[in-house]
Amino acid sequence: VLCLFCAALTEHKILFLSSSYQRLTDACRALLALMFPLKYSFTYVPILPAQLLEVLSTPTPFIIGVHSIFQSETQELLDVVIADLDGGTVNVPECVHISLLPEPLLQQTREALSMVLDPELEVADLAFPPSTVSASSLKMQDKEIRAVFLRLFAQLLQGYRWCLHIIRIHPEPVIRFHKVR
């Protein structure tokens, strides 16, 4: 999930494959939801019809879902990250380099996600674990996962104001992003 998240943030082509249309839609929508507060501004098609498979060769980034019976047509795509939802694999081609999160944030996010998805891990190494560790309801688990990613964005974007540069030579001040900082 973190690999797909980073691929979407760095504007790569992402293709979901599954034999379930519901799973394709849910996976595409979930990836977009994890990017909140950012909005995905490229091509987004949760279920691509068979007649439009040629769209997969577009040069622009996308998030597209395709039924797995068309998997043979997707094998020749060289620059597309393919997530097989039925097999649970993510295939990143050799020519695609996905920049992952900086190391302290990557490890913190992995740990936070594992604690949300498998709360028994938190007490697994305790000599005297509590008698019961209850997993959250699905609705609460959804909120906890969203909170992990929202916290990640807060950590990534903290101090962004140091990179803003105000130009006052115009009638109205212009704010620019200072790339060197």
N, C-alpha and C. Protein backbone atom coordinates (compact mmCIF):
# COMPACT_ATOMS: atom_id res chain seq x y z
N VAL A 1 0.83 -1.19 0.00
CA VAL A 1 0.00 0.00 0.00
C VAL A 1 0.87 1.25 0.00
N LEU A 2 1.95 1.23 0.79
CA LEU A 2 2.82 2.40 0.82
C LEU A 2 3.53 2.60 -0.51
N CYS A 3 3.86 1.52 -1.19
CA CYS A 3 4.48 1.63 -2.52
C CYS A 3 3.51 2.27 -3.50
N LEU A 4 2.26 1.83 -3.51
CA LEU A 4 1.24 2.41 -4.39
C LEU A 4 0.96 3.86 -4.02
N PHE A 5 0.94 4.15 -2.72
CA PHE A 5 0.72 5.51 -2.24
C PHE A 5 1.83 6.43 -2.75
N CYS A 6 3.08 6.00 -2.62
CA CYS A 6 4.20 6.81 -3.09
C CYS A 6 4.20 6.94 -4.62
N ALA A 7 3.79 5.88 -5.32
CA ALA A 7 3.71 5.93 -6.78
C ALA A 7 2.65 6.95 -7.22
N ALA A 8 1.53 6.99 -6.52
CA ALA A 8 0.49 7.96 -6.87
C ALA A 8 0.95 9.38 -6.58
N LEU A 9 1.64 9.58 -5.45
CA LEU A 9 2.11 10.92 -5.10
C LEU A 9 3.18 11.42 -6.06
N THR A 10 3.97 10.51 -6.60
CA THR A 10 5.04 10.90 -7.52
C THR A 10 4.63 10.76 -8.97
N GLU A 11 3.34 10.71 -9.22
CA GLU A 11 2.75 10.77 -10.56
C GLU A 11 3.22 9.64 -11.48
N HIS A 12 3.09 8.41 -11.02
CA HIS A 12 3.35 7.24 -11.85
C HIS A 12 2.04 6.65 -12.33
N LYS A 13 2.14 5.80 -13.32
CA LYS A 13 0.97 5.09 -13.85
C LYS A 13 0.71 3.88 -12.97
N ILE A 14 -0.53 3.75 -12.49
CA ILE A 14 -0.90 2.66 -11.60
C ILE A 14 -2.08 1.92 -12.20
N LEU A 15 -1.94 0.60 -12.32
CA LEU A 15 -2.98 -0.24 -12.89
C LEU A 15 -3.36 -1.30 -11.86
N PHE A 16 -4.64 -1.38 -11.54
CA PHE A 16 -5.16 -2.42 -10.66
C PHE A 16 -5.78 -3.51 -11.52
N LEU A 17 -5.47 -4.77 -11.20
CA LEU A 17 -6.06 -5.92 -11.88
C LEU A 17 -6.83 -6.76 -10.86
N SER A 18 -8.04 -7.17 -11.23
CA SER A 18 -8.82 -8.05 -10.37
C SER A 18 -9.95 -8.68 -11.18
N SER A 19 -10.42 -9.81 -10.70
CA SER A 19 -11.57 -10.45 -11.34
C SER A 19 -12.87 -9.92 -10.75
N SER A 20 -12.77 -9.07 -9.73
CA SER A 20 -13.96 -8.49 -9.08
C SER A 20 -14.02 -7.00 -9.37
N TYR A 21 -15.13 -6.58 -9.97
CA TYR A 21 -15.31 -5.16 -10.25
C TYR A 21 -15.42 -4.36 -8.95
N GLN A 22 -16.04 -4.94 -7.94
CA GLN A 22 -16.16 -4.26 -6.65
C GLN A 22 -14.79 -4.02 -6.03
N ARG A 23 -13.91 -5.01 -6.11
CA ARG A 23 -12.57 -4.89 -5.56
C ARG A 23 -11.77 -3.82 -6.30
N LEU A 24 -11.93 -3.76 -7.64
CA LEU A 24 -11.25 -2.73 -8.43
C LEU A 24 -11.68 -1.33 -7.99
N THR A 25 -12.99 -1.14 -7.88
CA THR A 25 -13.51 0.17 -7.48
C THR A 25 -13.05 0.53 -6.08
N ASP A 26 -13.13 -0.41 -5.16
CA ASP A 26 -12.74 -0.14 -3.77
C ASP A 26 -11.25 0.21 -3.68
N ALA A 27 -10.41 -0.51 -4.40
CA ALA A 27 -8.97 -0.26 -4.35
C ALA A 27 -8.63 1.11 -4.92
N CYS A 28 -9.23 1.46 -6.05
CA CYS A 28 -8.97 2.77 -6.66
C CYS A 28 -9.44 3.89 -5.75
N ARG A 29 -10.63 3.75 -5.19
CA ARG A 29 -11.15 4.79 -4.30
C ARG A 29 -10.34 4.89 -3.01
N ALA A 30 -9.87 3.76 -2.51
CA ALA A 30 -9.07 3.76 -1.28
C ALA A 30 -7.76 4.49 -1.49
N LEU A 31 -7.12 4.28 -2.64
CA LEU A 31 -5.86 4.97 -2.91
C LEU A 31 -6.07 6.47 -2.97
N LEU A 32 -7.15 6.90 -3.58
CA LEU A 32 -7.45 8.33 -3.61
C LEU A 32 -7.77 8.87 -2.22
N ALA A 33 -8.46 8.09 -1.41
CA ALA A 33 -8.81 8.53 -0.06
C ALA A 33 -7.58 8.69 0.81
N LEU A 34 -6.57 7.84 0.60
CA LEU A 34 -5.35 7.94 1.39
C LEU A 34 -4.56 9.20 1.07
N MET A 35 -4.78 9.76 -0.10
CA MET A 35 -4.05 10.96 -0.51
C MET A 35 -4.65 12.24 0.06
N PHE A 36 -5.75 12.16 0.78
CA PHE A 36 -6.36 13.34 1.38
C PHE A 36 -5.34 14.03 2.28
N PRO A 37 -5.16 15.30 2.22
CA PRO A 37 -5.94 16.40 1.67
C PRO A 37 -5.60 16.74 0.22
N LEU A 38 -4.68 16.01 -0.40
CA LEU A 38 -4.36 16.27 -1.80
C LEU A 38 -5.43 15.65 -2.69
N LYS A 39 -5.57 16.20 -3.89
CA LYS A 39 -6.52 15.66 -4.86
C LYS A 39 -5.75 15.16 -6.07
N TYR A 40 -6.14 13.99 -6.56
CA TYR A 40 -5.51 13.41 -7.73
C TYR A 40 -6.06 14.10 -8.97
N SER A 41 -5.19 14.68 -9.79
CA SER A 41 -5.66 15.49 -10.92
C SER A 41 -5.40 14.85 -12.28
N PHE A 42 -5.02 13.58 -12.29
CA PHE A 42 -4.77 12.91 -13.56
C PHE A 42 -5.92 11.94 -13.88
N THR A 43 -5.73 11.12 -14.88
CA THR A 43 -6.78 10.20 -15.31
C THR A 43 -7.08 9.18 -14.21
N TYR A 44 -8.36 9.06 -13.91
CA TYR A 44 -8.83 8.12 -12.89
C TYR A 44 -10.03 7.37 -13.44
N VAL A 45 -9.86 6.07 -13.67
CA VAL A 45 -10.94 5.24 -14.21
C VAL A 45 -10.97 3.95 -13.37
N PRO A 46 -11.90 3.83 -12.44
CA PRO A 46 -11.94 2.64 -11.59
C PRO A 46 -12.15 1.33 -12.35
N ILE A 47 -12.96 1.37 -13.40
CA ILE A 47 -13.19 0.18 -14.23
C ILE A 47 -13.09 0.60 -15.69
N LEU A 48 -12.03 0.16 -16.34
CA LEU A 48 -11.83 0.51 -17.74
C LEU A 48 -12.50 -0.53 -18.64
N PRO A 49 -13.38 -0.11 -19.54
CA PRO A 49 -14.02 -1.06 -20.46
C PRO A 49 -13.00 -1.66 -21.44
N ALA A 50 -13.30 -2.83 -21.92
CA ALA A 50 -12.39 -3.54 -22.82
C ALA A 50 -12.10 -2.75 -24.09
N GLN A 51 -13.07 -1.99 -24.57
CA GLN A 51 -12.89 -1.24 -25.81
C GLN A 51 -11.88 -0.10 -25.65
N LEU A 52 -11.57 0.28 -24.42
CA LEU A 52 -10.68 1.42 -24.19
C LEU A 52 -9.32 1.01 -23.63
N LEU A 53 -8.92 -0.24 -23.80
CA LEU A 53 -7.64 -0.69 -23.26
C LEU A 53 -6.45 0.06 -23.86
N GLU A 54 -6.62 0.67 -25.01
CA GLU A 54 -5.52 1.44 -25.61
C GLU A 54 -5.17 2.67 -24.78
N VAL A 55 -6.05 3.08 -23.86
CA VAL A 55 -5.77 4.21 -22.97
C VAL A 55 -4.57 3.91 -22.08
N LEU A 56 -4.30 2.63 -21.84
CA LEU A 56 -3.19 2.25 -20.97
C LEU A 56 -1.83 2.65 -21.53
N SER A 57 -1.75 2.96 -22.80
CA SER A 57 -0.47 3.37 -23.39
C SER A 57 -0.31 4.89 -23.42
N THR A 58 -1.16 5.61 -22.73
CA THR A 58 -1.06 7.06 -22.66
C THR A 58 0.21 7.48 -21.91
N PRO A 59 0.80 8.61 -22.27
CA PRO A 59 2.02 9.03 -21.58
C PRO A 59 1.78 9.72 -20.23
N THR A 60 0.55 10.01 -19.91
CA THR A 60 0.25 10.73 -18.66
C THR A 60 0.01 9.75 -17.52
N PRO A 61 0.20 10.21 -16.27
CA PRO A 61 -0.08 9.34 -15.12
C PRO A 61 -1.56 8.99 -15.04
N PHE A 62 -1.84 7.84 -14.43
CA PHE A 62 -3.23 7.42 -14.26
C PHE A 62 -3.36 6.44 -13.11
N ILE A 63 -4.59 6.29 -12.65
CA ILE A 63 -5.00 5.20 -11.76
C ILE A 63 -6.19 4.56 -12.45
N ILE A 64 -5.99 3.32 -12.89
CA ILE A 64 -7.01 2.64 -13.69
C ILE A 64 -7.18 1.22 -13.18
N GLY A 65 -8.42 0.75 -13.18
CA GLY A 65 -8.73 -0.63 -12.83
C GLY A 65 -9.15 -1.39 -14.07
N VAL A 66 -8.61 -2.60 -14.23
CA VAL A 66 -8.90 -3.44 -15.39
C VAL A 66 -9.23 -4.85 -14.90
N HIS A 67 -10.23 -5.46 -15.50
CA HIS A 67 -10.58 -6.84 -15.15
C HIS A 67 -9.41 -7.76 -15.50
N SER A 68 -9.19 -8.77 -14.69
CA SER A 68 -8.01 -9.63 -14.84
C SER A 68 -8.05 -10.50 -16.10
N ILE A 69 -9.19 -10.61 -16.78
CA ILE A 69 -9.20 -11.39 -18.03
C ILE A 69 -8.41 -10.67 -19.13
N PHE A 70 -8.13 -9.39 -18.92
CA PHE A 70 -7.33 -8.62 -19.89
C PHE A 70 -5.88 -8.49 -19.44
N GLN A 71 -5.44 -9.36 -18.56
CA GLN A 71 -4.08 -9.29 -18.03
C GLN A 71 -3.04 -9.49 -19.13
N SER A 72 -3.34 -10.31 -20.12
CA SER A 72 -2.37 -10.53 -21.20
C SER A 72 -2.12 -9.25 -22.00
N GLU A 73 -3.12 -8.40 -22.11
CA GLU A 73 -2.95 -7.13 -22.82
C GLU A 73 -2.11 -6.13 -22.03
N THR A 74 -1.98 -6.35 -20.73
CA THR A 74 -1.23 -5.42 -19.89
C THR A 74 0.23 -5.84 -19.71
N GLN A 75 0.60 -7.00 -20.21
CA GLN A 75 1.97 -7.49 -20.01
C GLN A 75 3.01 -6.66 -20.76
N GLU A 76 2.63 -6.05 -21.88
CA GLU A 76 3.59 -5.28 -22.67
C GLU A 76 3.79 -3.86 -22.18
N LEU A 77 3.07 -3.45 -21.14
CA LEU A 77 3.21 -2.10 -20.59
C LEU A 77 4.51 -2.03 -19.78
N LEU A 78 5.42 -1.17 -20.18
CA LEU A 78 6.74 -1.13 -19.57
C LEU A 78 6.86 -0.17 -18.40
N ASP A 79 6.06 0.87 -18.38
CA ASP A 79 6.22 1.91 -17.36
C ASP A 79 5.00 2.03 -16.45
N VAL A 80 4.34 0.91 -16.19
CA VAL A 80 3.13 0.91 -15.38
C VAL A 80 3.33 0.03 -14.15
N VAL A 81 3.00 0.58 -12.99
CA VAL A 81 3.01 -0.20 -11.75
C VAL A 81 1.71 -0.98 -11.72
N ILE A 82 1.81 -2.31 -11.64
CA ILE A 82 0.63 -3.17 -11.71
C ILE A 82 0.40 -3.81 -10.35
N ALA A 83 -0.80 -3.57 -9.79
CA ALA A 83 -1.20 -4.17 -8.52
C ALA A 83 -2.23 -5.25 -8.82
N ASP A 84 -1.87 -6.50 -8.59
CA ASP A 84 -2.78 -7.63 -8.79
C ASP A 84 -3.53 -7.84 -7.47
N LEU A 85 -4.78 -7.45 -7.44
CA LEU A 85 -5.55 -7.54 -6.21
C LEU A 85 -5.95 -8.96 -5.86
N ASP A 86 -6.06 -9.83 -6.86
CA ASP A 86 -6.40 -11.22 -6.60
C ASP A 86 -5.21 -11.98 -6.02
N GLY A 87 -4.02 -11.69 -6.53
CA GLY A 87 -2.82 -12.37 -6.06
C GLY A 87 -2.12 -11.65 -4.92
N GLY A 88 -2.48 -10.39 -4.69
CA GLY A 88 -1.87 -9.64 -3.60
C GLY A 88 -0.44 -9.21 -3.89
N THR A 89 -0.13 -8.93 -5.16
CA THR A 89 1.23 -8.53 -5.51
C THR A 89 1.23 -7.16 -6.17
N VAL A 90 2.36 -6.48 -6.05
CA VAL A 90 2.59 -5.21 -6.73
C VAL A 90 3.85 -5.39 -7.56
N ASN A 91 3.73 -5.18 -8.87
CA ASN A 91 4.85 -5.34 -9.79
C ASN A 91 5.32 -3.96 -10.25
N VAL A 92 6.55 -3.62 -9.87
CA VAL A 92 7.15 -2.35 -10.29
C VAL A 92 8.20 -2.67 -11.35
N PRO A 93 8.02 -2.22 -12.60
CA PRO A 93 8.99 -2.51 -13.66
C PRO A 93 10.36 -1.92 -13.33
N GLU A 94 11.39 -2.49 -13.93
CA GLU A 94 12.76 -2.04 -13.68
C GLU A 94 12.99 -0.60 -14.09
N CYS A 95 12.31 -0.14 -15.13
CA CYS A 95 12.52 1.22 -15.62
C CYS A 95 11.80 2.27 -14.77
N VAL A 96 10.99 1.85 -13.80
CA VAL A 96 10.25 2.78 -12.96
C VAL A 96 10.93 2.87 -11.59
N HIS A 97 11.25 4.10 -11.19
CA HIS A 97 11.83 4.32 -9.87
C HIS A 97 10.82 5.09 -9.03
N ILE A 98 10.36 4.44 -7.97
CA ILE A 98 9.41 5.09 -7.07
C ILE A 98 10.17 5.59 -5.86
N SER A 99 10.09 6.89 -5.63
CA SER A 99 10.71 7.48 -4.44
C SER A 99 9.83 7.18 -3.24
N LEU A 100 10.37 6.44 -2.29
CA LEU A 100 9.62 6.12 -1.09
C LEU A 100 9.74 7.27 -0.09
N LEU A 101 9.04 7.16 1.00
CA LEU A 101 9.08 8.18 2.04
C LEU A 101 10.47 8.23 2.67
N PRO A 102 10.85 9.37 3.24
CA PRO A 102 12.12 9.42 3.97
C PRO A 102 12.10 8.40 5.11
N GLU A 103 13.25 7.86 5.44
CA GLU A 103 13.32 6.70 6.33
C GLU A 103 12.65 6.84 7.69
N PRO A 104 12.84 7.89 8.47
CA PRO A 104 12.12 7.83 9.75
C PRO A 104 10.61 7.80 9.57
N LEU A 105 10.10 8.51 8.58
CA LEU A 105 8.64 8.53 8.36
C LEU A 105 8.14 7.20 7.81
N LEU A 106 8.93 6.56 6.96
CA LEU A 106 8.52 5.28 6.39
C LEU A 106 8.35 4.23 7.49
N GLN A 107 9.32 4.15 8.37
CA GLN A 107 9.25 3.16 9.45
C GLN A 107 8.11 3.47 10.42
N GLN A 108 7.93 4.74 10.76
CA GLN A 108 6.84 5.13 11.67
C GLN A 108 5.48 4.80 11.06
N THR A 109 5.34 5.05 9.76
CA THR A 109 4.07 4.78 9.09
C THR A 109 3.80 3.29 9.02
N ARG A 110 4.83 2.50 8.71
CA ARG A 110 4.66 1.04 8.70
C ARG A 110 4.23 0.52 10.07
N GLU A 111 4.89 1.01 11.11
CA GLU A 111 4.54 0.57 12.46
C GLU A 111 3.12 0.98 12.83
N ALA A 112 2.75 2.20 12.51
CA ALA A 112 1.41 2.67 12.84
C ALA A 112 0.35 1.87 12.08
N LEU A 113 0.61 1.58 10.81
CA LEU A 113 -0.36 0.79 10.03
C LEU A 113 -0.46 -0.64 10.57
N SER A 114 0.67 -1.23 10.95
CA SER A 114 0.61 -2.59 11.47
C SER A 114 -0.12 -2.64 12.80
N MET A 115 -0.01 -1.58 13.60
CA MET A 115 -0.74 -1.55 14.87
C MET A 115 -2.25 -1.39 14.66
N VAL A 116 -2.62 -0.70 13.60
CA VAL A 116 -4.05 -0.55 13.31
C VAL A 116 -4.60 -1.85 12.74
N LEU A 117 -3.86 -2.46 11.82
CA LEU A 117 -4.36 -3.64 11.13
C LEU A 117 -4.21 -4.92 11.95
N ASP A 118 -3.21 -4.97 12.84
CA ASP A 118 -2.98 -6.15 13.66
C ASP A 118 -2.61 -5.72 15.08
N PRO A 119 -3.60 -5.33 15.90
CA PRO A 119 -3.31 -4.78 17.22
C PRO A 119 -2.64 -5.77 18.18
N GLU A 120 -2.72 -7.06 17.89
CA GLU A 120 -2.07 -8.05 18.76
C GLU A 120 -0.55 -7.90 18.73
N LEU A 121 0.00 -7.29 17.67
CA LEU A 121 1.44 -7.09 17.59
C LEU A 121 1.95 -6.16 18.69
N GLU A 122 1.11 -5.25 19.12
CA GLU A 122 1.52 -4.27 20.13
C GLU A 122 1.85 -4.95 21.46
N VAL A 123 1.15 -6.01 21.78
CA VAL A 123 1.36 -6.67 23.06
C VAL A 123 2.01 -8.04 22.91
N ALA A 124 2.48 -8.39 21.73
CA ALA A 124 3.03 -9.73 21.49
C ALA A 124 4.29 -10.00 22.32
N ASP A 125 5.12 -8.99 22.55
CA ASP A 125 6.38 -9.19 23.26
C ASP A 125 6.30 -8.90 24.75
N LEU A 126 5.13 -8.56 25.25
CA LEU A 126 4.99 -8.28 26.67
C LEU A 126 5.02 -9.58 27.48
N ALA A 127 5.70 -9.52 28.62
CA ALA A 127 5.77 -10.71 29.48
C ALA A 127 4.40 -11.04 30.06
N PHE A 128 3.63 -10.00 30.40
CA PHE A 128 2.29 -10.20 30.96
C PHE A 128 1.29 -9.42 30.11
N PRO A 129 0.90 -9.99 28.96
CA PRO A 129 -0.02 -9.26 28.09
C PRO A 129 -1.40 -9.14 28.73
N PRO A 130 -2.14 -8.08 28.36
CA PRO A 130 -3.50 -7.96 28.87
C PRO A 130 -4.35 -9.14 28.40
N SER A 131 -5.39 -9.41 29.15
CA SER A 131 -6.21 -10.59 28.87
C SER A 131 -6.89 -10.52 27.51
N THR A 132 -7.31 -9.33 27.11
CA THR A 132 -7.97 -9.21 25.81
C THR A 132 -7.44 -7.99 25.06
N VAL A 133 -7.21 -8.19 23.81
CA VAL A 133 -6.87 -7.10 22.90
C VAL A 133 -7.90 -7.16 21.80
N SER A 134 -8.78 -6.18 21.78
CA SER A 134 -9.86 -6.23 20.81
C SER A 134 -9.49 -5.44 19.56
N ALA A 135 -9.81 -6.01 18.43
CA ALA A 135 -9.61 -5.32 17.17
C ALA A 135 -10.73 -4.30 16.99
N SER A 136 -10.41 -3.21 16.33
CA SER A 136 -11.39 -2.16 16.10
C SER A 136 -12.44 -2.63 15.09
N SER A 137 -13.59 -2.00 15.13
CA SER A 137 -14.60 -2.27 14.12
C SER A 137 -14.09 -1.76 12.77
N LEU A 138 -14.69 -2.22 11.70
CA LEU A 138 -14.23 -1.81 10.37
C LEU A 138 -14.34 -0.31 10.18
N LYS A 139 -15.39 0.30 10.70
CA LYS A 139 -15.56 1.75 10.57
C LYS A 139 -14.47 2.49 11.34
N MET A 140 -14.17 2.01 12.54
CA MET A 140 -13.12 2.65 13.35
C MET A 140 -11.75 2.39 12.73
N GLN A 141 -11.54 1.20 12.19
CA GLN A 141 -10.27 0.88 11.54
C GLN A 141 -10.03 1.79 10.33
N ASP A 142 -11.09 2.08 9.58
CA ASP A 142 -10.99 3.01 8.46
C ASP A 142 -10.55 4.38 8.94
N LYS A 143 -11.14 4.85 10.02
CA LYS A 143 -10.77 6.16 10.56
C LYS A 143 -9.33 6.16 11.07
N GLU A 144 -8.90 5.07 11.67
CA GLU A 144 -7.53 4.98 12.19
C GLU A 144 -6.51 4.99 11.05
N ILE A 145 -6.82 4.30 9.96
CA ILE A 145 -5.91 4.28 8.81
C ILE A 145 -5.84 5.67 8.19
N ARG A 146 -6.98 6.34 8.06
CA ARG A 146 -6.98 7.71 7.53
C ARG A 146 -6.15 8.63 8.43
N ALA A 147 -6.25 8.43 9.74
CA ALA A 147 -5.50 9.26 10.68
C ALA A 147 -3.99 9.03 10.53
N VAL A 148 -3.59 7.80 10.26
CA VAL A 148 -2.16 7.50 10.05
C VAL A 148 -1.65 8.29 8.85
N PHE A 149 -2.39 8.29 7.77
CA PHE A 149 -1.94 8.98 6.57
C PHE A 149 -2.06 10.50 6.71
N LEU A 150 -3.05 10.97 7.43
CA LEU A 150 -3.16 12.41 7.68
C LEU A 150 -1.99 12.89 8.54
N ARG A 151 -1.62 12.09 9.53
CA ARG A 151 -0.45 12.42 10.36
C ARG A 151 0.82 12.42 9.52
N LEU A 152 0.91 11.48 8.58
CA LEU A 152 2.06 11.42 7.68
C LEU A 152 2.18 12.71 6.87
N PHE A 153 1.05 13.17 6.33
CA PHE A 153 1.07 14.42 5.56
C PHE A 153 1.46 15.60 6.44
N ALA A 154 0.98 15.62 7.66
CA ALA A 154 1.34 16.71 8.57
C ALA A 154 2.84 16.71 8.83
N GLN A 155 3.44 15.53 8.97
CA GLN A 155 4.88 15.46 9.20
C GLN A 155 5.66 15.81 7.93
N LEU A 156 5.16 15.38 6.78
CA LEU A 156 5.85 15.68 5.52
C LEU A 156 5.84 17.16 5.19
N LEU A 157 4.71 17.81 5.47
CA LEU A 157 4.54 19.19 5.05
C LEU A 157 4.82 20.22 6.15
N GLN A 158 5.25 19.75 7.32
CA GLN A 158 5.54 20.73 8.37
C GLN A 158 6.72 21.59 7.94
N GLY A 159 6.65 22.85 8.26
CA GLY A 159 7.72 23.77 7.91
C GLY A 159 7.72 24.20 6.45
N TYR A 160 6.61 23.98 5.74
CA TYR A 160 6.58 24.35 4.32
C TYR A 160 6.73 25.85 4.13
N ARG A 161 6.36 26.64 5.13
CA ARG A 161 6.41 28.10 4.99
C ARG A 161 7.84 28.60 4.80
N TRP A 162 8.83 27.84 5.24
CA TRP A 162 10.22 28.23 5.04
C TRP A 162 10.59 28.20 3.57
N CYS A 163 9.83 27.49 2.76
CA CYS A 163 10.12 27.38 1.33
C CYS A 163 9.35 28.40 0.50
N LEU A 164 8.56 29.24 1.13
CA LEU A 164 7.82 30.25 0.40
C LEU A 164 8.65 31.54 0.31
N HIS A 165 8.58 32.16 -0.82
CA HIS A 165 9.34 33.38 -1.08
C HIS A 165 8.36 34.44 -1.56
N ILE A 166 8.31 35.57 -0.88
CA ILE A 166 7.37 36.64 -1.22
C ILE A 166 8.10 37.68 -2.07
N ILE A 167 7.54 37.95 -3.23
CA ILE A 167 8.09 38.97 -4.14
C ILE A 167 7.17 40.18 -4.04
N ARG A 168 7.74 41.32 -3.63
CA ARG A 168 6.93 42.51 -3.37
C ARG A 168 7.12 43.60 -4.42
N ILE A 169 7.73 43.30 -5.57
CA ILE A 169 7.95 44.34 -6.57
C ILE A 169 6.72 44.57 -7.43
N HIS A 170 5.75 43.69 -7.35
CA HIS A 170 4.52 43.84 -8.10
C HIS A 170 3.53 44.66 -7.28
N PRO A 171 2.47 45.17 -7.91
CA PRO A 171 1.45 45.92 -7.14
C PRO A 171 0.89 45.07 -6.00
N GLU A 172 0.69 43.79 -6.25
CA GLU A 172 0.24 42.88 -5.21
C GLU A 172 1.37 41.90 -4.93
N PRO A 173 1.66 41.56 -3.69
CA PRO A 173 2.73 40.60 -3.39
C PRO A 173 2.43 39.24 -4.04
N VAL A 174 3.47 38.60 -4.55
CA VAL A 174 3.35 37.29 -5.18
C VAL A 174 4.12 36.28 -4.33
N ILE A 175 3.48 35.17 -4.02
CA ILE A 175 4.12 34.13 -3.23
C ILE A 175 4.59 33.04 -4.19
N ARG A 176 5.87 32.71 -4.13
CA ARG A 176 6.46 31.66 -4.97
C ARG A 176 7.10 30.61 -4.07
N PHE A 177 7.18 29.43 -4.60
CA PHE A 177 7.86 28.34 -3.89
C PHE A 177 9.34 28.42 -4.19
N HIS A 178 10.17 28.52 -3.16
CA HIS A 178 11.61 28.64 -3.33
C HIS A 178 12.20 27.24 -3.35
N LYS A 179 12.61 26.76 -4.53
CA LYS A 179 13.03 25.38 -4.72
C LYS A 179 14.34 25.04 -4.02
N VAL A 180 15.21 26.02 -3.81
CA VAL A 180 16.52 25.73 -3.22
C VAL A 180 16.40 25.35 -1.75
N ARG A 181 15.51 25.98 -1.04
CA ARG A 181 15.35 25.68 0.39
C ARG A 181 14.79 24.34 0.53
